Protein backbone atom coordinates (compact mmCIF):
# COMPACT_ATOMS: atom_id res chain seq x y z
CA GLU A 1 27.64 52.13 -92.57
CA VAL A 2 25.79 54.51 -90.43
CA LEU A 3 22.58 52.75 -91.00
CA VAL A 4 23.73 49.76 -89.89
CA VAL A 5 25.07 50.86 -86.72
CA VAL A 6 21.89 52.51 -85.96
CA ALA A 7 19.86 49.27 -86.63
CA ILE A 8 22.14 47.22 -84.49
CA ILE A 9 21.90 50.05 -81.61
CA GLY A 10 18.08 49.53 -82.14
CA VAL A 11 18.06 46.07 -81.54
CA LEU A 12 20.40 45.62 -78.54
CA SER A 13 18.26 48.59 -76.78
CA GLY A 14 14.62 46.60 -77.75
CA VAL A 15 16.39 43.62 -75.87
CA ALA A 16 17.84 45.44 -73.14
CA THR A 17 14.23 47.07 -72.48
CA LEU A 18 12.75 43.34 -72.49
CA THR A 19 14.92 41.95 -70.38
CA TYR A 20 14.81 44.80 -67.85
CA ALA A 21 10.90 44.56 -67.85
CA GLN A 22 10.87 41.04 -67.50
CA LEU A 23 13.58 41.25 -64.30
CA LEU A 24 11.62 44.11 -62.86
CA PRO A 25 8.72 42.37 -60.80
CA GLY A 26 11.38 39.84 -59.23
CA TYR A 27 13.51 42.89 -58.05
CA GLN A 28 10.48 44.72 -56.84
CA LEU A 29 9.55 41.47 -54.81
CA LYS A 30 12.65 41.23 -53.56
CA SER A 31 13.34 44.80 -52.35
CA THR A 32 9.99 44.78 -50.65
CA ILE A 33 10.81 41.44 -48.67
CA ASP A 34 14.13 42.78 -47.54
CA ARG A 35 12.36 45.79 -46.40
CA ILE A 36 9.77 43.98 -44.24
CA PHE A 37 12.55 41.58 -43.20
CA SER A 38 14.50 44.62 -41.85
CA THR A 39 11.97 46.09 -40.56
CA MET A 40 11.09 42.62 -38.00
CA GLN A 41 14.83 43.15 -37.07
CA MET A 42 14.70 46.34 -36.26
CA GLY A 43 11.42 45.83 -34.14
CA ARG A 44 13.26 43.15 -32.29
CA SER A 45 16.51 45.31 -31.73
CA GLU A 46 14.55 48.29 -30.66
CA ALA A 47 12.36 45.66 -28.41
CA ILE A 48 15.52 44.75 -26.75
CA ARG A 49 17.31 48.04 -26.93
CA ARG A 50 14.04 50.10 -25.00
CA SER A 51 13.20 47.39 -22.82
CA ALA A 52 9.36 47.48 -24.33
CA GLN A 53 7.42 45.63 -26.51
CA CYS A 54 7.41 46.83 -30.21
CA VAL A 55 4.46 45.52 -32.45
CA LEU A 56 4.66 45.19 -36.23
CA VAL A 57 0.98 45.13 -37.71
CA PHE A 58 0.46 44.32 -41.55
CA ASP A 59 -2.64 46.09 -43.13
CA PRO A 60 -3.50 44.36 -46.35
CA GLY A 61 -6.27 46.68 -46.67
CA THR A 62 -4.04 49.52 -47.17
CA GLU A 63 -0.81 47.60 -48.11
CA GLU A 64 1.05 49.07 -45.47
CA TYR A 65 2.99 47.75 -42.33
CA HIS A 66 3.75 49.67 -39.33
CA LEU A 67 6.33 49.04 -36.40
CA PHE A 68 5.37 50.85 -33.22
CA VAL A 69 6.43 50.88 -29.60
CA ASP A 70 3.24 49.30 -27.57
CA ARG A 71 3.26 51.61 -24.27
CA THR A 72 -0.44 51.45 -23.61
CA ASN A 73 -2.39 48.10 -23.69
CA LEU A 74 0.35 45.08 -24.38
CA SER A 75 -1.92 42.63 -24.91
CA ASP A 76 -4.14 44.26 -28.04
CA CYS A 77 -0.95 44.85 -30.09
CA HIS A 78 -3.06 47.61 -31.54
CA PHE A 79 -1.45 51.65 -32.16
CA GLU A 80 -3.45 53.73 -30.09
CA PRO A 81 -2.56 57.45 -28.28
CA GLY A 82 0.84 57.01 -26.26
CA ASP A 83 2.29 54.53 -28.50
CA GLU A 84 5.33 55.29 -30.77
CA GLU A 85 5.71 54.70 -34.34
CA ILE A 86 9.26 53.80 -34.99
CA SER A 87 8.88 52.82 -38.76
CA SER A 88 6.11 52.19 -41.44
CA GLY A 89 6.08 51.17 -45.30
CA SER A 90 4.05 50.66 -48.08
CA ILE A 91 4.26 47.37 -50.36
CA SER A 92 1.82 48.99 -53.29
CA ALA A 93 4.57 51.28 -54.80
CA ALA A 94 6.79 48.57 -55.79
CA HIS A 95 3.55 46.48 -57.43
CA VAL A 96 3.69 43.78 -54.64
CA ASN A 97 0.61 42.62 -53.00
CA TYR A 98 0.09 40.83 -49.50
CA VAL A 99 -1.21 37.10 -50.20
CA ASN A 100 -4.00 37.33 -47.44
CA SER A 101 -4.56 33.75 -47.05
CA GLU A 102 -1.04 33.21 -46.30
CA ILE A 103 -0.51 35.48 -43.40
CA THR A 104 -0.63 33.38 -40.57
CA PHE A 105 0.06 35.61 -37.94
CA HIS A 106 -2.60 36.24 -35.30
CA VAL A 107 -4.64 39.09 -35.82
CA ASN A 108 -4.95 42.25 -33.30
CA SER A 109 -7.86 43.78 -31.39
CA ALA A 110 -8.37 45.69 -34.79
CA GLY A 111 -8.62 42.63 -36.95
CA LEU A 112 -4.96 43.19 -38.79
CA PRO A 113 -2.27 40.49 -38.39
CA ALA A 114 0.43 41.38 -36.30
CA ILE A 115 3.21 40.23 -34.14
CA ALA A 116 5.25 41.85 -30.86
CA PHE A 117 8.58 41.49 -29.99
CA THR A 118 9.01 41.20 -26.64
CA PRO A 119 11.72 43.18 -24.28
CA ARG A 120 13.76 39.81 -24.30
CA GLY A 121 13.81 39.58 -28.17
CA PHE A 122 10.80 36.85 -28.31
CA ILE A 123 8.27 36.68 -30.67
CA ARG A 124 4.97 36.93 -29.18
CA SER A 125 1.19 36.71 -30.70
CA PRO A 126 -1.75 39.03 -29.87
CA GLY A 127 -3.24 37.40 -27.19
CA ALA A 128 0.22 37.22 -25.21
CA THR A 129 0.87 33.68 -26.31
CA PHE A 130 4.32 33.03 -28.34
CA GLY A 131 3.67 32.23 -31.94
CA ASN A 132 5.19 31.55 -35.04
CA GLY A 133 3.91 33.07 -38.45
CA ARG A 134 4.95 33.91 -41.81
CA VAL A 135 3.53 37.24 -44.14
CA VAL A 136 3.88 36.03 -47.93
CA LEU A 137 4.08 38.72 -50.81
CA ALA A 138 3.52 37.85 -54.68
CA ASN A 139 4.61 39.62 -57.71
CA SER A 140 2.76 40.45 -61.10
CA ARG A 141 4.10 37.52 -62.09
CA HIS A 142 2.52 35.55 -59.36
CA GLU A 143 6.34 34.78 -57.69
CA LYS A 144 5.91 34.67 -53.92
CA ARG A 145 8.45 35.32 -51.21
CA ALA A 146 7.96 34.88 -47.78
CA VAL A 147 9.20 36.58 -44.12
CA VAL A 148 9.00 33.71 -41.49
CA THR A 149 9.30 34.37 -37.88
CA HIS A 150 10.07 31.91 -34.81
CA TRP A 151 8.89 32.40 -31.52
CA SER A 152 12.59 32.57 -30.24
CA GLY A 153 12.52 35.72 -32.24
CA GLN A 154 14.43 34.25 -35.01
CA VAL A 155 13.47 36.08 -38.70
CA ARG A 156 14.54 34.08 -42.12
CA ILE A 157 13.21 34.85 -45.60
CA GLU A 158 11.86 32.07 -47.84
């Protein structure tokens, strides 16, 4: 009887491990997309609260993103001495990657995709034009999720 119980427990734990391994990439992608979405929402809120331009820059090379208050050169959307970093994050720990060909934000003076939130909460692209954009992430199972922005300041997940 004990052997039967041990065998049943072994089979159940094997099934649970396989199920967890199959679901993990989807959870990691959702979690990372949610963090980027929250960072964008924070950028918009901070821009309005501080009455200052807040910029979110994506770095596909390092798989990081940085949110900062742009106090120096408002048109370049590039972090410089005098700017204040609010938040940053990395997507590499979650085994998720940027889909570079599907990042549609304009690039800043450093050649990195960036968006700026104006003091009124609108979204501005580097170069002072208002613009829409998206950042797309993919996991190891090639599932994709995107965070999409509208020039009005609206941010959503697709």
